[in-house]
Amino acid sequence: MNLPLLIPLGILAASVGALGSAYTAQYGFDLEPCILCLYQRVPFLVTGLLALVALRVQPGSTKTVFVGLAGVVFLVGAGIAAYQVGVEQHWWASGCSGGLPENLSIADMKQILTQKQPKPCDDVDWTLFGVSMATYNVFYSGLLGLGSLAAAYRMRSEA
């Protein structure tokens, strides 16, 4: 089995698949993302780029480092998703939660009504079996992170 090739390809496929799902939900099904949803896409972009670099370098410690870094970035993505789950469940407040600021003047209210407001982060548009996309991402990114770190460890021990 050619782990130095298969593992970066798997990381790239997982990253492209996650981004493809997010953009399909946004543009294919008109599910508007909040700012935390957009932040959750960044780790997948970074891991995809790390996988591309890992595919280009020669097998060895450098490739293993890129796979390990991808694992860490996936875990950061799981953390961002976990934060959003907390916002969705109202476990903690966020600056992007729905609601109006206190002490609004009439001019402030007029301005708010005439501008398109960003989507609140605690507004869940879609669930599957009562579970939000952010919750699925906690597990998806977490498993990818742990799997990538385990793969880097295995690659290092086989080198």
C-alpha atoms as a PDB file:
ATOM      1  CA  MET A   1       0.000   0.000   0.000  1.00  0.00           C
ATOM      2  CA  ASN A   2       1.410   3.412  -0.988  1.00  0.00           C
ATOM      3  CA  LEU A   3       0.523   5.490   2.094  1.00  0.00           C
ATOM      4  CA  PRO A   4       2.573   8.554   1.092  1.00  0.00           C
ATOM      5  CA  LEU A   5       0.320   8.882  -1.968  1.00  0.00           C
ATOM      6  CA  LEU A   6      -3.017   7.633  -0.639  1.00  0.00           C
ATOM      7  CA  ILE A   7      -3.148   9.696   2.539  1.00  0.00           C
ATOM      8  CA  PRO A   8      -2.718  13.126   0.902  1.00  0.00           C
ATOM      9  CA  LEU A   9      -5.211  12.050  -1.791  1.00  0.00           C
ATOM     10  CA  GLY A  10      -7.687  11.104   0.944  1.00  0.00           C
ATOM     11  CA  ILE A  11      -7.181  14.434   2.703  1.00  0.00           C
ATOM     12  CA  LEU A  12      -7.680  16.274  -0.589  1.00  0.00           C
ATOM     13  CA  ALA A  13     -10.834  14.283  -1.395  1.00  0.00           C
ATOM     14  CA  ALA A  14     -12.288  14.900   2.085  1.00  0.00           C
ATOM     15  CA  SER A  15     -11.564  18.630   1.832  1.00  0.00           C
ATOM     16  CA  VAL A  16     -12.975  19.007  -1.676  1.00  0.00           C
ATOM     17  CA  GLY A  17     -16.017  16.946  -0.673  1.00  0.00           C
ATOM     18  CA  ALA A  18     -16.726  19.123   2.355  1.00  0.00           C
ATOM     19  CA  LEU A  19     -16.348  22.356   0.379  1.00  0.00           C
ATOM     20  CA  GLY A  20     -18.452  20.928  -2.435  1.00  0.00           C
ATOM     21  CA  SER A  21     -21.205  20.057   0.050  1.00  0.00           C
ATOM     22  CA  ALA A  22     -21.105  23.521   1.589  1.00  0.00           C
ATOM     23  CA  TYR A  23     -21.296  25.290  -1.766  1.00  0.00           C
ATOM     24  CA  THR A  24     -24.035  22.936  -2.982  1.00  0.00           C
ATOM     25  CA  ALA A  25     -26.090  23.735   0.122  1.00  0.00           C
ATOM     26  CA  GLN A  26     -25.504  27.452  -0.388  1.00  0.00           C
ATOM     27  CA  TYR A  27     -26.007  27.791  -4.126  1.00  0.00           C
ATOM     28  CA  GLY A  28     -28.011  24.674  -4.979  1.00  0.00           C
ATOM     29  CA  PHE A  29     -30.459  24.787  -2.082  1.00  0.00           C
ATOM     30  CA  ASP A  30     -30.336  28.495  -1.137  1.00  0.00           C
ATOM     31  CA  LEU A  31     -29.152  27.869   2.422  1.00  0.00           C
ATOM     32  CA  GLU A  32     -27.550  31.133   3.467  1.00  0.00           C
ATOM     33  CA  PRO A  33     -24.403  30.629   5.546  1.00  0.00           C
ATOM     34  CA  CYS A  34     -23.662  32.680   8.636  1.00  0.00           C
ATOM     35  CA  ILE A  35     -20.184  34.008   9.339  1.00  0.00           C
ATOM     36  CA  LEU A  36     -19.280  30.958  11.464  1.00  0.00           C
ATOM     37  CA  CYS A  37     -20.352  28.700   8.579  1.00  0.00           C
ATOM     38  CA  LEU A  38     -17.951  30.595   6.344  1.00  0.00           C
ATOM     39  CA  TYR A  39     -15.180  30.294   8.950  1.00  0.00           C
ATOM     40  CA  GLN A  40     -15.696  26.517   8.981  1.00  0.00           C
ATOM     41  CA  ARG A  41     -14.794  26.384   5.287  1.00  0.00           C
ATOM     42  CA  VAL A  42     -11.327  27.868   5.815  1.00  0.00           C
ATOM     43  CA  PRO A  43      -9.774  24.758   7.421  1.00  0.00           C
ATOM     44  CA  PHE A  44     -10.961  22.641   4.487  1.00  0.00           C
ATOM     45  CA  LEU A  45      -9.305  25.049   2.071  1.00  0.00           C
ATOM     46  CA  VAL A  46      -6.084  24.948   4.099  1.00  0.00           C
ATOM     47  CA  THR A  47      -6.078  21.142   4.381  1.00  0.00           C
ATOM     48  CA  GLY A  48      -6.718  20.833   0.658  1.00  0.00           C
ATOM     49  CA  LEU A  49      -3.712  23.057  -0.040  1.00  0.00           C
ATOM     50  CA  LEU A  50      -1.581  21.106   2.447  1.00  0.00           C
ATOM     51  CA  ALA A  51      -2.593  17.872   0.716  1.00  0.00           C
ATOM     52  CA  LEU A  52      -1.641  19.300  -2.684  1.00  0.00           C
ATOM     53  CA  VAL A  53       1.777  20.280  -1.348  1.00  0.00           C
ATOM     54  CA  ALA A  54       2.167  16.843   0.268  1.00  0.00           C
ATOM     55  CA  LEU A  55       1.438  15.239  -3.106  1.00  0.00           C
ATOM     56  CA  ARG A  56       4.210  17.303  -4.718  1.00  0.00           C
ATOM     57  CA  VAL A  57       7.024  16.658  -2.232  1.00  0.00           C
ATOM     58  CA  GLN A  58       9.071  13.480  -2.101  1.00  0.00           C
ATOM     59  CA  PRO A  59       8.079  10.803   0.407  1.00  0.00           C
ATOM     60  CA  GLY A  60       9.764  11.292   3.735  1.00  0.00           C
ATOM     61  CA  SER A  61       9.642  13.551   6.737  1.00  0.00           C
ATOM     62  CA  THR A  62       8.458  16.624   4.788  1.00  0.00           C
ATOM     63  CA  LYS A  63       5.384  14.798   3.463  1.00  0.00           C
ATOM     64  CA  THR A  64       4.691  13.490   6.957  1.00  0.00           C
ATOM     65  CA  VAL A  65       4.838  17.035   8.351  1.00  0.00           C
ATOM     66  CA  PHE A  66       2.246  18.258   5.833  1.00  0.00           C
ATOM     67  CA  VAL A  67      -0.083  15.358   6.688  1.00  0.00           C
ATOM     68  CA  GLY A  68       0.373  16.092  10.414  1.00  0.00           C
ATOM     69  CA  LEU A  69      -0.322  19.792   9.852  1.00  0.00           C
ATOM     70  CA  ALA A  70      -3.493  18.861   7.977  1.00  0.00           C
ATOM     71  CA  GLY A  71      -4.544  16.828  11.014  1.00  0.00           C
ATOM     72  CA  VAL A  72      -4.038  19.813  13.307  1.00  0.00           C
ATOM     73  CA  VAL A  73      -5.973  22.100  10.933  1.00  0.00           C
ATOM     74  CA  PHE A  74      -8.850  19.598  10.796  1.00  0.00           C
ATOM     75  CA  LEU A  75      -8.969  19.669  14.605  1.00  0.00           C
ATOM     76  CA  VAL A  76      -9.070  23.483  14.537  1.00  0.00           C
ATOM     77  CA  GLY A  77     -12.017  23.170  12.142  1.00  0.00           C
ATOM     78  CA  ALA A  78     -13.719  20.820  14.597  1.00  0.00           C
ATOM     79  CA  GLY A  79     -13.225  23.460  17.285  1.00  0.00           C
ATOM     80  CA  ILE A  80     -14.812  26.169  15.135  1.00  0.00           C
ATOM     81  CA  ALA A  81     -17.750  23.866  14.409  1.00  0.00           C
ATOM     82  CA  ALA A  82     -18.101  23.023  18.117  1.00  0.00           C
ATOM     83  CA  TYR A  83     -18.221  26.732  18.909  1.00  0.00           C
ATOM     84  CA  GLN A  84     -21.032  27.163  16.378  1.00  0.00           C
ATOM     85  CA  VAL A  85     -22.946  24.244  17.883  1.00  0.00           C
ATOM     86  CA  GLY A  86     -22.748  26.043  21.228  1.00  0.00           C
ATOM     87  CA  VAL A  87     -24.109  29.198  19.631  1.00  0.00           C
ATOM     88  CA  GLU A  88     -26.905  27.253  17.920  1.00  0.00           C
ATOM     89  CA  GLN A  89     -27.862  25.598  21.216  1.00  0.00           C
ATOM     90  CA  HIS A  90     -27.606  28.930  23.104  1.00  0.00           C
ATOM     91  CA  TRP A  91     -24.950  27.524  25.423  1.00  0.00           C
ATOM     92  CA  TRP A  92     -23.076  30.805  24.982  1.00  0.00           C
ATOM     93  CA  ALA A  93     -23.658  34.108  23.240  1.00  0.00           C
ATOM     94  CA  SER A  94     -21.961  35.240  20.079  1.00  0.00           C
ATOM     95  CA  GLY A  95     -21.687  38.542  18.282  1.00  0.00           C
ATOM     96  CA  CYS A  96     -23.406  36.952  15.307  1.00  0.00           C
ATOM     97  CA  SER A  97     -26.455  35.690  17.193  1.00  0.00           C
ATOM     98  CA  GLY A  98     -29.814  37.046  16.197  1.00  0.00           C
ATOM     99  CA  GLY A  99     -31.429  39.995  17.915  1.00  0.00           C
ATOM    100  CA  LEU A 100     -31.189  43.737  17.950  1.00  0.00           C
ATOM    101  CA  PRO A 101     -28.765  45.800  19.972  1.00  0.00           C
ATOM    102  CA  GLU A 102     -30.142  47.654  22.965  1.00  0.00           C
ATOM    103  CA  ASN A 103     -30.767  51.440  23.070  1.00  0.00           C
ATOM    104  CA  LEU A 104     -31.521  51.882  19.370  1.00  0.00           C
ATOM    105  CA  SER A 105     -32.463  55.301  18.116  1.00  0.00           C
ATOM    106  CA  ILE A 106     -35.077  55.800  15.394  1.00  0.00           C
ATOM    107  CA  ALA A 107     -32.267  56.541  12.899  1.00  0.00           C
ATOM    108  CA  ASP A 108     -30.499  53.295  13.873  1.00  0.00           C
ATOM    109  CA  MET A 109     -33.719  51.326  13.386  1.00  0.00           C
ATOM    110  CA  LYS A 110     -34.281  52.872   9.952  1.00  0.00           C
ATOM    111  CA  GLN A 111     -30.748  51.991   8.943  1.00  0.00           C
ATOM    112  CA  ILE A 112     -31.177  48.379  10.133  1.00  0.00           C
ATOM    113  CA  LEU A 113     -34.449  48.038   8.221  1.00  0.00           C
ATOM    114  CA  THR A 114     -32.984  49.328   4.960  1.00  0.00           C
ATOM    115  CA  GLN A 115     -29.889  47.084   4.989  1.00  0.00           C
ATOM    116  CA  LYS A 116     -29.692  43.350   4.482  1.00  0.00           C
ATOM    117  CA  GLN A 117     -28.700  41.918   7.824  1.00  0.00           C
ATOM    118  CA  PRO A 118     -26.223  39.036   8.076  1.00  0.00           C
ATOM    119  CA  LYS A 119     -27.660  35.635   8.885  1.00  0.00           C
ATOM    120  CA  PRO A 120     -27.634  34.985  12.648  1.00  0.00           C
ATOM    121  CA  CYS A 121     -25.338  32.138  13.701  1.00  0.00           C
ATOM    122  CA  ASP A 122     -27.967  30.640  16.001  1.00  0.00           C
ATOM    123  CA  ASP A 123     -30.482  30.254  13.146  1.00  0.00           C
ATOM    124  CA  VAL A 124     -30.290  26.645  11.907  1.00  0.00           C
ATOM    125  CA  ASP A 125     -31.668  26.313   8.361  1.00  0.00           C
ATOM    126  CA  TRP A 126     -31.272  22.576   7.858  1.00  0.00           C
ATOM    127  CA  THR A 127     -30.992  19.452   9.983  1.00  0.00           C
ATOM    128  CA  LEU A 128     -30.824  15.732   9.307  1.00  0.00           C
ATOM    129  CA  PHE A 129     -32.313  13.634  12.106  1.00  0.00           C
ATOM    130  CA  GLY A 130     -32.394  16.801  14.212  1.00  0.00           C
ATOM    131  CA  VAL A 131     -28.639  17.351  13.866  1.00  0.00           C
ATOM    132  CA  SER A 132     -27.273  20.549  12.300  1.00  0.00           C
ATOM    133  CA  MET A 133     -24.541  20.740   9.670  1.00  0.00           C
ATOM    134  CA  ALA A 134     -22.211  22.280  12.253  1.00  0.00           C
ATOM    135  CA  THR A 135     -22.708  19.272  14.538  1.00  0.00           C
ATOM    136  CA  TYR A 136     -21.916  16.887  11.700  1.00  0.00           C
ATOM    137  CA  ASN A 137     -18.822  18.959  10.980  1.00  0.00           C
ATOM    138  CA  VAL A 138     -17.586  18.573  14.570  1.00  0.00           C
ATOM    139  CA  PHE A 139     -17.458  14.816  14.088  1.00  0.00           C
ATOM    140  CA  TYR A 140     -16.310  14.897  10.445  1.00  0.00           C
ATOM    141  CA  SER A 141     -13.438  17.300  11.106  1.00  0.00           C
ATOM    142  CA  GLY A 142     -12.567  15.641  14.387  1.00  0.00           C
ATOM    143  CA  LEU A 143     -12.308  12.199  12.813  1.00  0.00           C
ATOM    144  CA  LEU A 144     -10.352  13.575   9.862  1.00  0.00           C
ATOM    145  CA  GLY A 145      -7.991  15.336  12.257  1.00  0.00           C
ATOM    146  CA  LEU A 146      -7.367  12.272  14.392  1.00  0.00           C
ATOM    147  CA  GLY A 147      -7.083  10.082  11.302  1.00  0.00           C
ATOM    148  CA  SER A 148      -4.594  12.431   9.662  1.00  0.00           C
ATOM    149  CA  LEU A 149      -2.470  12.583  12.810  1.00  0.00           C
ATOM    150  CA  ALA A 150      -2.542   8.781  13.101  1.00  0.00           C
ATOM    151  CA  ALA A 151      -1.583   8.493   9.428  1.00  0.00           C
ATOM    152  CA  ALA A 152       1.307  10.925   9.901  1.00  0.00           C
ATOM    153  CA  TYR A 153       2.499   8.877  12.867  1.00  0.00           C
ATOM    154  CA  ARG A 154       2.317   5.699  10.798  1.00  0.00           C
ATOM    155  CA  MET A 155       4.099   7.341   7.863  1.00  0.00           C
ATOM    156  CA  ARG A 156       6.832   8.519  10.224  1.00  0.00           C
ATOM    157  CA  SER A 157       7.316   5.070  11.725  1.00  0.00           C
ATOM    158  CA  GLU A 158       7.483   3.449   8.270  1.00  0.00           C
ATOM    159  CA  ALA A 159      10.051   5.935   6.961  1.00  0.00           C
END
